Amino acid sequence: MKSVAVNIFTCWGYKSMKKMRFLTAVLVVFMAAIPSMAAVQDDIRSDSALIGKWFGKQIGEAIAFNGASNPQLPGNVCKLLGAEVGVSGVVSVSQWDTDEFRKLPLSSFDNANKDVISLPKDIPLPSWVAHAKVGLPLGLDLGVKYGTFDMDKKTADSKSEFSNSVTGVEIRKRLIGGDGLSDAVIPDLALSVAYDMISGDVKRTEPYGAALLGGQTLTADTTWKSEWDVKTITARLVLSQKILIVTPFIGGGVTANSGDVETTVQTLGTVSTGGVVAESVKEKVKINNSNVHFLGGVEIALFPLVRLNVSGVTGGDHKAVSAGLRAQFR
């Protein structure tokens, strides 16, 4: 009897030890997964911050170029007591700095693999403004402009919303030209200084499903939102010559940009190991750059007072084309 009891106790103890070992192993694996999941969260948070800074810089510089590129007009400054009103639309294209993106030291996302994270080559941005100028003494005119643009785009699994507004003021000085019959032989040359304020935001929501560098797979809904408040100061020279009803013009200048862009990146989902990812990162970048640009275009007098103009601007990684109508009195 004693022997049976010992055997039962021994057997029970052996099984209990196996159970304890199994539970201990499960506990060890579970405990090991906690810092691993924390590390994944940290990596995603850090990567989102780096990508947010990169994106903020890209969109901020593109928005600044777009705002300063519209309108483009010949060098014939409004005469004293003269005035003009018009409307102009522009589409600018700014290249993404994909080389900088590929070099970001990301820990979770494989930004070096173009099949995992693909980027378009450029950022197309449309906008329009209404503008007006009035002639002042000393060969000066003073102009203002304002425009807003909203755009929404939906696909099967993503949504983008864009909103932007531009407010600007410009003063021009006639250096040569603009005196009666001399218009036919002497070109117009004007020096202008403009100040533009551009504000708006872009928001994009889309799913993300791909392998992480650590071996896990992330399945998540992502939301990106960038808000900008950018200012530009532009100094520009424009030379134009009226030939019958056609006025070609060329010019160039420099634009200094300032302001900031704040980007928020939200990631809500799970990784293949069973962990939950719930991250929201907000990063603000300062826009502080300048670019030299060149422009050219032509204006056609459709009627005695109404003119159609078409122009193009290029500067560094940015280009723009614009078209507009204006009515000039004196």
C-alpha atoms as a PDB file:
ATOM      1  CA  MET A   1       0.000   0.000   0.000  1.00  0.00           C
ATOM      2  CA  LYS A   2       2.827   2.273   0.897  1.00  0.00           C
ATOM      3  CA  SER A   3       4.491   1.423  -2.364  1.00  0.00           C
ATOM      4  CA  VAL A   4       1.331   2.256  -4.322  1.00  0.00           C
ATOM      5  CA  ALA A   5       0.975   5.561  -2.511  1.00  0.00           C
ATOM      6  CA  VAL A   6       4.563   6.425  -3.250  1.00  0.00           C
ATOM      7  CA  ASN A   7       4.108   5.553  -6.910  1.00  0.00           C
ATOM      8  CA  ILE A   8       0.909   7.640  -7.166  1.00  0.00           C
ATOM      9  CA  PHE A   9       2.587  10.581  -5.438  1.00  0.00           C
ATOM     10  CA  THR A  10       5.630  10.237  -7.618  1.00  0.00           C
ATOM     11  CA  CYS A  11       3.528  10.063 -10.772  1.00  0.00           C
ATOM     12  CA  TRP A  12       1.396  13.036  -9.730  1.00  0.00           C
ATOM     13  CA  GLY A  13       4.496  15.016  -8.831  1.00  0.00           C
ATOM     14  CA  TYR A  14       6.113  14.204 -12.149  1.00  0.00           C
ATOM     15  CA  LYS A  15       3.034  15.293 -14.086  1.00  0.00           C
ATOM     16  CA  SER A  16       2.728  18.408 -11.952  1.00  0.00           C
ATOM     17  CA  MET A  17       6.334  19.252 -12.642  1.00  0.00           C
ATOM     18  CA  LYS A  18       5.730  18.846 -16.385  1.00  0.00           C
ATOM     19  CA  LYS A  19       2.710  21.139 -16.115  1.00  0.00           C
ATOM     20  CA  MET A  20       4.738  23.660 -14.164  1.00  0.00           C
ATOM     21  CA  ARG A  21       7.516  23.530 -16.696  1.00  0.00           C
ATOM     22  CA  PHE A  22       5.003  24.070 -19.515  1.00  0.00           C
ATOM     23  CA  LEU A  23       3.360  27.004 -17.730  1.00  0.00           C
ATOM     24  CA  THR A  24       6.773  28.447 -16.945  1.00  0.00           C
ATOM     25  CA  ALA A  25       7.756  28.175 -20.607  1.00  0.00           C
ATOM     26  CA  VAL A  26       4.540  29.895 -21.673  1.00  0.00           C
ATOM     27  CA  LEU A  27       5.116  32.626 -19.099  1.00  0.00           C
ATOM     28  CA  VAL A  28       8.698  33.114 -20.251  1.00  0.00           C
ATOM     29  CA  VAL A  29       7.562  33.431 -23.876  1.00  0.00           C
ATOM     30  CA  PHE A  30       4.807  35.854 -22.873  1.00  0.00           C
ATOM     31  CA  MET A  31       7.149  37.961 -20.796  1.00  0.00           C
ATOM     32  CA  ALA A  32       9.699  37.963 -23.588  1.00  0.00           C
ATOM     33  CA  ALA A  33       7.025  39.197 -26.004  1.00  0.00           C
ATOM     34  CA  ILE A  34       6.286  42.266 -23.863  1.00  0.00           C
ATOM     35  CA  PRO A  35       9.607  44.047 -24.439  1.00  0.00           C
ATOM     36  CA  SER A  36       9.577  42.813 -28.059  1.00  0.00           C
ATOM     37  CA  MET A  37       6.185  44.444 -28.651  1.00  0.00           C
ATOM     38  CA  ALA A  38       7.334  47.562 -26.838  1.00  0.00           C
ATOM     39  CA  ALA A  39      10.348  47.678 -29.136  1.00  0.00           C
ATOM     40  CA  VAL A  40       8.063  47.400 -32.187  1.00  0.00           C
ATOM     41  CA  GLN A  41       5.946  50.269 -30.876  1.00  0.00           C
ATOM     42  CA  ASP A  42       9.063  52.375 -30.256  1.00  0.00           C
ATOM     43  CA  ASP A  43      10.427  51.650 -33.732  1.00  0.00           C
ATOM     44  CA  ILE A  44       7.140  52.519 -35.441  1.00  0.00           C
ATOM     45  CA  ARG A  45       6.882  55.715 -33.400  1.00  0.00           C
ATOM     46  CA  SER A  46      10.466  56.701 -34.245  1.00  0.00           C
ATOM     47  CA  ASP A  47      10.043  55.877 -37.933  1.00  0.00           C
ATOM     48  CA  SER A  48       6.780  57.827 -38.134  1.00  0.00           C
ATOM     49  CA  ALA A  49       8.520  60.873 -36.681  1.00  0.00           C
ATOM     50  CA  LEU A  50      11.345  60.688 -39.228  1.00  0.00           C
ATOM     51  CA  ILE A  51       8.953  60.211 -42.152  1.00  0.00           C
ATOM     52  CA  GLY A  52       6.715  63.025 -40.851  1.00  0.00           C
ATOM     53  CA  LYS A  53       9.651  65.448 -40.787  1.00  0.00           C
ATOM     54  CA  TRP A  54      10.698  64.447 -44.281  1.00  0.00           C
ATOM     55  CA  PHE A  55       7.164  64.793 -45.647  1.00  0.00           C
ATOM     56  CA  GLY A  56       6.636  68.160 -43.921  1.00  0.00           C
ATOM     57  CA  LYS A  57       9.735  69.605 -45.561  1.00  0.00           C
ATOM     58  CA  GLN A  58       8.707  68.307 -48.993  1.00  0.00           C
ATOM     59  CA  ILE A  59       5.149  69.612 -48.907  1.00  0.00           C
ATOM     60  CA  GLY A  60       6.162  72.934 -47.318  1.00  0.00           C
ATOM     61  CA  GLU A  61       8.649  73.814 -50.047  1.00  0.00           C
ATOM     62  CA  ALA A  62       6.232  72.688 -52.773  1.00  0.00           C
ATOM     63  CA  ILE A  63       3.414  74.802 -51.342  1.00  0.00           C
ATOM     64  CA  ALA A  64       5.702  77.845 -51.074  1.00  0.00           C
ATOM     65  CA  PHE A  65       6.754  77.592 -54.727  1.00  0.00           C
ATOM     66  CA  ASN A  66       3.157  77.153 -55.845  1.00  0.00           C
ATOM     67  CA  GLY A  67       1.967  80.224 -53.945  1.00  0.00           C
ATOM     68  CA  ALA A  68       4.737  82.487 -55.256  1.00  0.00           C
ATOM     69  CA  SER A  69       4.296  81.365 -58.884  1.00  0.00           C
ATOM     70  CA  ASN A  70       0.887  82.859 -59.520  1.00  0.00           C
ATOM     71  CA  PRO A  71       0.214  85.168 -61.321  1.00  0.00           C
ATOM     72  CA  GLN A  72       3.009  85.870 -63.805  1.00  0.00           C
ATOM     73  CA  LEU A  73       2.522  89.120 -65.749  1.00  0.00           C
ATOM     74  CA  PRO A  74       4.422  91.326 -68.230  1.00  0.00           C
ATOM     75  CA  GLY A  75       6.457  94.278 -67.002  1.00  0.00           C
ATOM     76  CA  ASN A  76       3.980  96.999 -67.998  1.00  0.00           C
ATOM     77  CA  VAL A  77       3.220  98.654 -64.649  1.00  0.00           C
ATOM     78  CA  CYS A  78      -0.160 100.360 -64.198  1.00  0.00           C
ATOM     79  CA  LYS A  79       0.107 104.090 -64.789  1.00  0.00           C
ATOM     80  CA  LEU A  80      -1.035 106.691 -62.258  1.00  0.00           C
ATOM     81  CA  LEU A  81      -4.773 106.305 -61.589  1.00  0.00           C
ATOM     82  CA  GLY A  82      -4.757 103.151 -63.718  1.00  0.00           C
ATOM     83  CA  ALA A  83      -5.957  99.783 -62.485  1.00  0.00           C
ATOM     84  CA  GLU A  84      -6.261  96.152 -63.461  1.00  0.00           C
ATOM     85  CA  VAL A  85      -8.215  93.101 -62.301  1.00  0.00           C
ATOM     86  CA  GLY A  86      -7.744  89.490 -63.266  1.00  0.00           C
ATOM     87  CA  VAL A  87      -7.874  85.828 -62.447  1.00  0.00           C
ATOM     88  CA  SER A  88      -5.116  83.261 -62.899  1.00  0.00           C
ATOM     89  CA  GLY A  89      -4.694  79.524 -62.382  1.00  0.00           C
ATOM     90  CA  VAL A  90      -1.460  77.580 -61.911  1.00  0.00           C
ATOM     91  CA  VAL A  91      -0.327  73.981 -61.717  1.00  0.00           C
ATOM     92  CA  SER A  92       3.071  73.450 -60.130  1.00  0.00           C
ATOM     93  CA  VAL A  93       5.088  70.241 -60.027  1.00  0.00           C
ATOM     94  CA  SER A  94       7.734  69.677 -57.336  1.00  0.00           C
ATOM     95  CA  GLN A  95       9.989  66.635 -57.229  1.00  0.00           C
ATOM     96  CA  TRP A  96      10.070  64.438 -54.132  1.00  0.00           C
ATOM     97  CA  ASP A  97      13.532  64.091 -52.619  1.00  0.00           C
ATOM     98  CA  THR A  98      13.374  60.305 -52.862  1.00  0.00           C
ATOM     99  CA  ASP A  99      17.114  59.919 -52.264  1.00  0.00           C
ATOM    100  CA  GLU A 100      16.748  61.545 -48.850  1.00  0.00           C
ATOM    101  CA  PHE A 101      13.763  59.316 -48.048  1.00  0.00           C
ATOM    102  CA  ARG A 102      15.665  56.142 -48.942  1.00  0.00           C
ATOM    103  CA  LYS A 103      18.493  57.194 -46.626  1.00  0.00           C
ATOM    104  CA  LEU A 104      16.283  57.744 -43.564  1.00  0.00           C
ATOM    105  CA  PRO A 105      17.561  55.463 -40.738  1.00  0.00           C
ATOM    106  CA  LEU A 106      14.261  53.619 -40.239  1.00  0.00           C
ATOM    107  CA  SER A 107      14.054  50.653 -37.859  1.00  0.00           C
ATOM    108  CA  SER A 108      10.696  49.083 -38.788  1.00  0.00           C
ATOM    109  CA  PHE A 109       9.804  50.047 -42.338  1.00  0.00           C
ATOM    110  CA  ASP A 110      11.933  48.982 -45.279  1.00  0.00           C
ATOM    111  CA  ASN A 111      12.222  52.364 -46.961  1.00  0.00           C
ATOM    112  CA  ALA A 112      15.110  51.168 -49.137  1.00  0.00           C
ATOM    113  CA  ASN A 113      12.829  48.644 -50.877  1.00  0.00           C
ATOM    114  CA  LYS A 114      10.830  50.348 -53.620  1.00  0.00           C
ATOM    115  CA  ASP A 115       8.426  47.402 -53.766  1.00  0.00           C
ATOM    116  CA  VAL A 116       7.501  47.868 -50.089  1.00  0.00           C
ATOM    117  CA  ILE A 117       7.255  51.682 -50.078  1.00  0.00           C
ATOM    118  CA  SER A 118       6.791  53.235 -53.505  1.00  0.00           C
ATOM    119  CA  LEU A 119       6.865  56.992 -54.008  1.00  0.00           C
ATOM    120  CA  PRO A 120       5.631  59.108 -56.919  1.00  0.00           C
ATOM    121  CA  LYS A 121       8.246  61.188 -58.691  1.00  0.00           C
ATOM    122  CA  ASP A 122       6.648  64.540 -57.984  1.00  0.00           C
ATOM    123  CA  ILE A 123       3.946  66.548 -56.204  1.00  0.00           C
ATOM    124  CA  PRO A 124       1.419  68.227 -58.550  1.00  0.00           C
ATOM    125  CA  LEU A 125      -0.398  71.148 -56.927  1.00  0.00           C
ATOM    126  CA  PRO A 126      -3.131  73.272 -58.553  1.00  0.00           C
ATOM    127  CA  SER A 127      -4.326  76.669 -57.305  1.00  0.00           C
ATOM    128  CA  TRP A 128      -5.921  79.874 -58.530  1.00  0.00           C
ATOM    129  CA  VAL A 129      -6.044  83.527 -57.453  1.00  0.00           C
ATOM    130  CA  ALA A 130      -8.006  86.668 -58.179  1.00  0.00           C
ATOM    131  CA  HIS A 131      -5.733  89.715 -58.348  1.00  0.00           C
ATOM    132  CA  ALA A 132      -5.939  93.488 -58.708  1.00  0.00           C
ATOM    133  CA  LYS A 133      -3.485  96.373 -59.078  1.00  0.00           C
ATOM    134  CA  VAL A 134      -3.697 100.148 -58.870  1.00  0.00           C
ATOM    135  CA  GLY A 135      -1.275 102.718 -60.304  1.00  0.00           C
ATOM    136  CA  LEU A 136       0.653 104.985 -57.923  1.00  0.00           C
ATOM    137  CA  PRO A 137       2.983 107.985 -58.415  1.00  0.00           C
ATOM    138  CA  LEU A 138       6.678 107.543 -59.214  1.00  0.00           C
ATOM    139  CA  GLY A 139       6.104 104.702 -61.642  1.00  0.00           C
ATOM    140  CA  LEU A 140       4.775 102.339 -58.981  1.00  0.00           C
ATOM    141  CA  ASP A 141       1.763 100.105 -58.745  1.00  0.00           C
ATOM    142  CA  LEU A 142       0.389  98.152 -55.791  1.00  0.00           C
ATOM    143  CA  GLY A 143      -1.289  94.793 -56.139  1.00  0.00           C
ATOM    144  CA  VAL A 144      -3.132  92.257 -54.010  1.00  0.00           C
ATOM    145  CA  LYS A 145      -4.192  88.669 -54.639  1.00  0.00           C
ATOM    146  CA  TYR A 146      -6.293  86.015 -52.946  1.00  0.00           C
ATOM    147  CA  GLY A 147      -7.321  82.479 -53.776  1.00  0.00           C
ATOM    148  CA  THR A 148      -8.491  79.229 -52.226  1.00  0.00           C
ATOM    149  CA  PHE A 149      -8.487  75.689 -53.515  1.00  0.00           C
ATOM    150  CA  ASP A 150     -10.105  72.529 -52.087  1.00  0.00           C
ATOM    151  CA  MET A 151      -9.867  69.025 -53.477  1.00  0.00           C
ATOM    152  CA  ASP A 152     -11.011  65.565 -52.331  1.00  0.00           C
ATOM    153  CA  LYS A 153     -10.045  62.256 -53.887  1.00  0.00           C
ATOM    154  CA  LYS A 154     -11.326  58.789 -52.986  1.00  0.00           C
ATOM    155  CA  THR A 155     -10.292  55.328 -54.140  1.00  0.00           C
ATOM    156  CA  ALA A 156     -11.449  51.887 -53.056  1.00  0.00           C
ATOM    157  CA  ASP A 157      -9.348  51.927 -49.887  1.00  0.00           C
ATOM    158  CA  SER A 158      -7.962  55.451 -49.445  1.00  0.00           C
ATOM    159  CA  LYS A 159      -9.117  59.039 -49.121  1.00  0.00           C
ATOM    160  CA  SER A 160      -7.240  62.310 -49.605  1.00  0.00           C
ATOM    161  CA  GLU A 161      -8.396  65.815 -48.683  1.00  0.00           C
ATOM    162  CA  PHE A 162      -6.537  68.999 -49.672  1.00  0.00           C
ATOM    163  CA  SER A 163      -7.250  72.618 -48.768  1.00  0.00           C
ATOM    164  CA  ASN A 164      -5.087  75.672 -49.405  1.00  0.00           C
ATOM    165  CA  SER A 165      -5.403  79.471 -49.428  1.00  0.00           C
ATOM    166  CA  VAL A 166      -3.062  82.213 -50.656  1.00  0.00           C
ATOM    167  CA  THR A 167      -3.059  85.900 -49.735  1.00  0.00           C
ATOM    168  CA  GLY A 168      -0.453  88.239 -51.166  1.00  0.00           C
ATOM    169  CA  VAL A 169       0.628  91.819 -51.759  1.00  0.00           C
ATOM    170  CA  GLU A 170       3.061  93.102 -54.382  1.00  0.00           C
ATOM    171  CA  ILE A 171       4.607  96.447 -55.258  1.00  0.00           C
ATOM    172  CA  ARG A 172       6.197  97.043 -58.660  1.00  0.00           C
ATOM    173  CA  LYS A 173       8.479  99.799 -59.925  1.00  0.00           C
ATOM    174  CA  ARG A 174       8.784 100.676 -63.605  1.00  0.00           C
ATOM    175  CA  LEU A 175      12.460 101.013 -64.489  1.00  0.00           C
ATOM    176  CA  ILE A 176      12.069 101.721 -68.218  1.00  0.00           C
ATOM    177  CA  GLY A 177       9.203 101.923 -70.753  1.00  0.00           C
ATOM    178  CA  GLY A 178       5.548 102.709 -70.408  1.00  0.00           C
ATOM    179  CA  ASP A 179       5.424 106.164 -72.007  1.00  0.00           C
ATOM    180  CA  GLY A 180       2.920 106.496 -74.833  1.00  0.00           C
ATOM    181  CA  LEU A 181       4.313 105.894 -78.322  1.00  0.00           C
ATOM    182  CA  SER A 182       7.608 104.616 -76.893  1.00  0.00           C
ATOM    183  CA  ASP A 183       5.775 101.381 -75.987  1.00  0.00           C
ATOM    184  CA  ALA A 184       6.358 100.209 -79.548  1.00  0.00           C
ATOM    185  CA  VAL A 185      10.150 100.541 -79.411  1.00  0.00           C
ATOM    186  CA  ILE A 186      11.170 100.596 -75.764  1.00  0.00           C
ATOM    187  CA  PRO A 187      10.534  97.448 -73.692  1.00  0.00           C
ATOM    188  CA  ASP A 188       8.997  97.553 -70.248  1.00  0.00           C
ATOM    189  CA  LEU A 189      11.230  96.557 -67.362  1.00  0.00           C
ATOM    190  CA  ALA A 190       9.759  96.252 -63.880  1.00  0.00           C
ATOM    191  CA  LEU A 191      11.198  95.352 -60.500  1.00  0.00           C
ATOM    192  CA  SER A 192       8.738  93.840 -58.034  1.00  0.00           C
ATOM    193  CA  VAL A 193       8.739  92.713 -54.418  1.00  0.00           C
ATOM    194  CA  ALA A 194       5.944  90.391 -53.273  1.00  0.00           C
ATOM    195  CA  TYR A 195       4.910  88.941 -49.933  1.00  0.00           C
ATOM    196  CA  ASP A 196       2.664  85.861 -49.881  1.00  0.00           C
ATOM    197  CA  MET A 197       1.012  84.007 -46.994  1.00  0.00           C
ATOM    198  CA  ILE A 198      -0.025  80.415 -47.677  1.00  0.00           C
ATOM    199  CA  SER A 199      -1.948  78.219 -45.261  1.00  0.00           C
ATOM    200  CA  GLY A 200      -3.814  74.939 -45.527  1.00  0.00           C
ATOM    201  CA  ASP A 201      -3.695  71.229 -44.862  1.00  0.00           C
ATOM    202  CA  VAL A 202      -3.679  67.831 -46.508  1.00  0.00           C
ATOM    203  CA  LYS A 203      -5.045  64.620 -44.990  1.00  0.00           C
ATOM    204  CA  ARG A 204      -4.770  61.052 -46.255  1.00  0.00           C
ATOM    205  CA  THR A 205      -6.167  57.849 -44.783  1.00  0.00           C
ATOM    206  CA  GLU A 206      -5.277  54.420 -46.148  1.00  0.00           C
ATOM    207  CA  PRO A 207      -4.572  50.853 -45.010  1.00  0.00           C
ATOM    208  CA  TYR A 208      -1.030  49.514 -44.672  1.00  0.00           C
ATOM    209  CA  GLY A 209      -0.136  45.833 -44.831  1.00  0.00           C
ATOM    210  CA  ALA A 210       3.481  44.752 -45.235  1.00  0.00           C
ATOM    211  CA  ALA A 211       6.356  43.037 -43.506  1.00  0.00           C
ATOM    212  CA  LEU A 212       8.433  44.963 -40.977  1.00  0.00           C
ATOM    213  CA  LEU A 213      12.196  44.759 -40.802  1.00  0.00           C
ATOM    214  CA  GLY A 214      11.955  42.770 -37.560  1.00  0.00           C
ATOM    215  CA  GLY A 215      10.137  39.914 -39.295  1.00  0.00           C
ATOM    216  CA  GLN A 216       6.599  40.758 -38.181  1.00  0.00           C
ATOM    217  CA  THR A 217       3.820  41.872 -40.508  1.00  0.00           C
ATOM    218  CA  LEU A 218       1.949  45.079 -39.763  1.00  0.00           C
ATOM    219  CA  THR A 219      -1.718  45.385 -40.704  1.00  0.00           C
ATOM    220  CA  ALA A 220      -2.985  48.856 -39.863  1.00  0.00           C
ATOM    221  CA  ASP A 221      -5.036  51.874 -40.806  1.00  0.00           C
ATOM    222  CA  THR A 222      -2.863  54.969 -41.211  1.00  0.00           C
ATOM    223  CA  THR A 223      -3.821  58.630 -41.170  1.00  0.00           C
ATOM    224  CA  TRP A 224      -1.494  61.398 -42.291  1.00  0.00           C
ATOM    225  CA  LYS A 225      -2.294  65.066 -41.799  1.00  0.00           C
ATOM    226  CA  SER A 226      -0.026  68.010 -42.530  1.00  0.00           C
ATOM    227  CA  GLU A 227      -0.942  71.614 -41.724  1.00  0.00           C
ATOM    228  CA  TRP A 228       1.158  74.505 -43.026  1.00  0.00           C
ATOM    229  CA  ASP A 229       1.601  78.203 -42.445  1.00  0.00           C
ATOM    230  CA  VAL A 230       4.212  79.336 -44.960  1.00  0.00           C
ATOM    231  CA  LYS A 231       5.356  82.804 -46.019  1.00  0.00           C
ATOM    232  CA  THR A 232       7.386  83.872 -49.048  1.00  0.00           C
ATOM    233  CA  ILE A 233       9.215  87.050 -50.043  1.00  0.00           C
ATOM    234  CA  THR A 234       9.986  87.338 -53.756  1.00  0.00           C
ATOM    235  CA  ALA A 235      12.111  89.883 -55.629  1.00  0.00           C
ATOM    236  CA  ARG A 236      11.742  89.697 -59.398  1.00  0.00           C
ATOM    237  CA  LEU A 237      12.710  91.486 -62.622  1.00  0.00           C
ATOM    238  CA  VAL A 238      10.434  91.163 -65.664  1.00  0.00           C
ATOM    239  CA  LEU A 239      11.183  92.440 -69.177  1.00  0.00           C
ATOM    240  CA  SER A 240       8.418  92.631 -71.801  1.00  0.00           C
ATOM    241  CA  GLN A 241       7.934  94.090 -75.263  1.00  0.00           C
ATOM    242  CA  LYS A 242       4.594  94.799 -76.921  1.00  0.00           C
ATOM    243  CA  ILE A 243       4.450  93.726 -80.585  1.00  0.00           C
ATOM    244  CA  LEU A 244       1.045  94.625 -82.013  1.00  0.00           C
ATOM    245  CA  ILE A 245      -1.387  92.530 -79.948  1.00  0.00           C
ATOM    246  CA  VAL A 246       1.263  90.168 -78.566  1.00  0.00           C
ATOM    247  CA  THR A 247       3.490  90.883 -75.562  1.00  0.00           C
ATOM    248  CA  PRO A 248       6.200  88.294 -74.851  1.00  0.00           C
ATOM    249  CA  PHE A 249       7.969  88.556 -71.483  1.00  0.00           C
ATOM    250  CA  ILE A 250      10.873  86.986 -69.650  1.00  0.00           C
ATOM    251  CA  GLY A 251      12.247  87.419 -66.154  1.00  0.00           C
ATOM    252  CA  GLY A 252      13.802  85.941 -63.094  1.00  0.00           C
ATOM    253  CA  GLY A 253      14.080  86.379 -59.381  1.00  0.00           C
ATOM    254  CA  VAL A 254      14.671  84.843 -55.994  1.00  0.00           C
ATOM    255  CA  THR A 255      12.188  83.679 -53.364  1.00  0.00           C
ATOM    256  CA  ALA A 256      12.926  83.267 -49.655  1.00  0.00           C
ATOM    257  CA  ASN A 257      10.595  80.899 -47.793  1.00  0.00           C
ATOM    258  CA  SER A 258       9.787  80.721 -44.079  1.00  0.00           C
ATOM    259  CA  GLY A 259       7.135  79.218 -41.808  1.00  0.00           C
ATOM    260  CA  ASP A 260       6.400  75.738 -40.521  1.00  0.00           C
ATOM    261  CA  VAL A 261       4.584  72.511 -41.341  1.00  0.00           C
ATOM    262  CA  GLU A 262       3.132  70.270 -38.634  1.00  0.00           C
ATOM    263  CA  THR A 263       2.544  66.625 -39.550  1.00  0.00           C
ATOM    264  CA  THR A 264       0.590  64.066 -37.517  1.00  0.00           C
ATOM    265  CA  VAL A 265       0.940  60.354 -38.278  1.00  0.00           C
ATOM    266  CA  GLN A 266      -1.496  57.879 -36.710  1.00  0.00           C
ATOM    267  CA  THR A 267      -1.087  54.099 -36.965  1.00  0.00           C
ATOM    268  CA  LEU A 268      -3.799  51.783 -35.605  1.00  0.00           C
ATOM    269  CA  GLY A 269      -3.533  48.044 -36.179  1.00  0.00           C
ATOM    270  CA  THR A 270      -1.869  44.791 -35.217  1.00  0.00           C
ATOM    271  CA  VAL A 271       1.342  42.917 -35.904  1.00  0.00           C
ATOM    272  CA  SER A 272       1.497  39.248 -36.811  1.00  0.00           C
ATOM    273  CA  THR A 273       2.739  38.281 -33.327  1.00  0.00           C
ATOM    274  CA  GLY A 274      -0.624  39.383 -31.940  1.00  0.00           C
ATOM    275  CA  GLY A 275       0.373  42.752 -30.514  1.00  0.00           C
ATOM    276  CA  VAL A 276      -1.692  45.898 -30.921  1.00  0.00           C
ATOM    277  CA  VAL A 277      -0.154  49.043 -32.436  1.00  0.00           C
ATOM    278  CA  ALA A 278      -1.737  52.361 -31.494  1.00  0.00           C
ATOM    279  CA  GLU A 279       0.653  55.208 -32.234  1.00  0.00           C
ATOM    280  CA  SER A 280       0.170  58.912 -32.916  1.00  0.00           C
ATOM    281  CA  VAL A 281       3.198  61.087 -33.632  1.00  0.00           C
ATOM    282  CA  LYS A 282       3.249  64.847 -34.258  1.00  0.00           C
ATOM    283  CA  GLU A 283       6.275  66.589 -35.745  1.00  0.00           C
ATOM    284  CA  LYS A 284       6.820  70.217 -36.754  1.00  0.00           C
ATOM    285  CA  VAL A 285       9.484  71.325 -39.232  1.00  0.00           C
ATOM    286  CA  LYS A 286      10.645  74.827 -40.088  1.00  0.00           C
ATOM    287  CA  ILE A 287      10.662  75.905 -43.715  1.00  0.00           C
ATOM    288  CA  ASN A 288      13.734  78.036 -44.276  1.00  0.00           C
ATOM    289  CA  ASN A 289      15.042  77.904 -47.830  1.00  0.00           C
ATOM    290  CA  SER A 290      15.327  80.001 -50.966  1.00  0.00           C
ATOM    291  CA  ASN A 291      15.306  79.332 -54.683  1.00  0.00           C
ATOM    292  CA  VAL A 292      16.274  81.189 -57.823  1.00  0.00           C
ATOM    293  CA  HIS A 293      13.695  80.981 -60.584  1.00  0.00           C
ATOM    294  CA  PHE A 294      13.276  81.985 -64.221  1.00  0.00           C
ATOM    295  CA  LEU A 295      10.072  82.707 -66.091  1.00  0.00           C
ATOM    296  CA  GLY A 296       8.788  83.345 -69.556  1.00  0.00           C
ATOM    297  CA  GLY A 297       5.436  83.824 -71.206  1.00  0.00           C
ATOM    298  CA  VAL A 298       3.272  85.657 -73.657  1.00  0.00           C
ATOM    299  CA  GLU A 299       0.207  87.858 -73.352  1.00  0.00           C
ATOM    300  CA  ILE A 300      -2.320  88.380 -76.130  1.00  0.00           C
ATOM    301  CA  ALA A 301      -4.759  91.316 -76.355  1.00  0.00           C
ATOM    302  CA  LEU A 302      -8.067  89.630 -77.104  1.00  0.00           C
ATOM    303  CA  PHE A 303      -9.960  92.931 -76.876  1.00  0.00           C
ATOM    304  CA  PRO A 304      -8.792  96.518 -76.227  1.00  0.00           C
ATOM    305  CA  LEU A 305      -8.861  95.967 -72.456  1.00  0.00           C
ATOM    306  CA  VAL A 306      -8.913  92.172 -72.023  1.00  0.00           C
ATOM    307  CA  ARG A 307      -5.748  90.108 -72.248  1.00  0.00           C
ATOM    308  CA  LEU A 308      -4.949  86.405 -72.074  1.00  0.00           C
ATOM    309  CA  ASN A 309      -1.567  85.356 -70.683  1.00  0.00           C
ATOM    310  CA  VAL A 310       0.228  82.015 -70.539  1.00  0.00           C
ATOM    311  CA  SER A 311       3.536  81.528 -68.722  1.00  0.00           C
ATOM    312  CA  GLY A 312       5.949  79.060 -67.174  1.00  0.00           C
ATOM    313  CA  VAL A 313       8.305  79.207 -64.189  1.00  0.00           C
ATOM    314  CA  THR A 314      11.197  76.946 -63.287  1.00  0.00           C
ATOM    315  CA  GLY A 315      13.453  76.916 -60.251  1.00  0.00           C
ATOM    316  CA  GLY A 316      15.490  73.981 -58.955  1.00  0.00           C
ATOM    317  CA  ASP A 317      13.244  70.945 -58.443  1.00  0.00           C
ATOM    318  CA  HIS A 318      10.089  73.003 -59.061  1.00  0.00           C
ATOM    319  CA  LYS A 319       8.191  73.943 -62.209  1.00  0.00           C
ATOM    320  CA  ALA A 320       4.862  75.638 -62.855  1.00  0.00           C
ATOM    321  CA  VAL A 321       2.615  76.650 -65.741  1.00  0.00           C
ATOM    322  CA  SER A 322      -0.103  79.268 -65.409  1.00  0.00           C
ATOM    323  CA  ALA A 323      -2.777  80.928 -67.495  1.00  0.00           C
ATOM    324  CA  GLY A 324      -5.037  83.870 -66.796  1.00  0.00           C
ATOM    325  CA  LEU A 325      -7.248  86.672 -68.000  1.00  0.00           C
ATOM    326  CA  ARG A 326      -6.931  90.291 -66.947  1.00  0.00           C
ATOM    327  CA  ALA A 327      -8.419  93.637 -67.806  1.00  0.00           C
ATOM    328  CA  GLN A 328      -6.050  96.627 -67.594  1.00  0.00           C
ATOM    329  CA  PHE A 329      -7.176 100.256 -67.548  1.00  0.00           C
ATOM    330  CA  ARG A 330      -4.242 102.599 -68.272  1.00  0.00           C
END
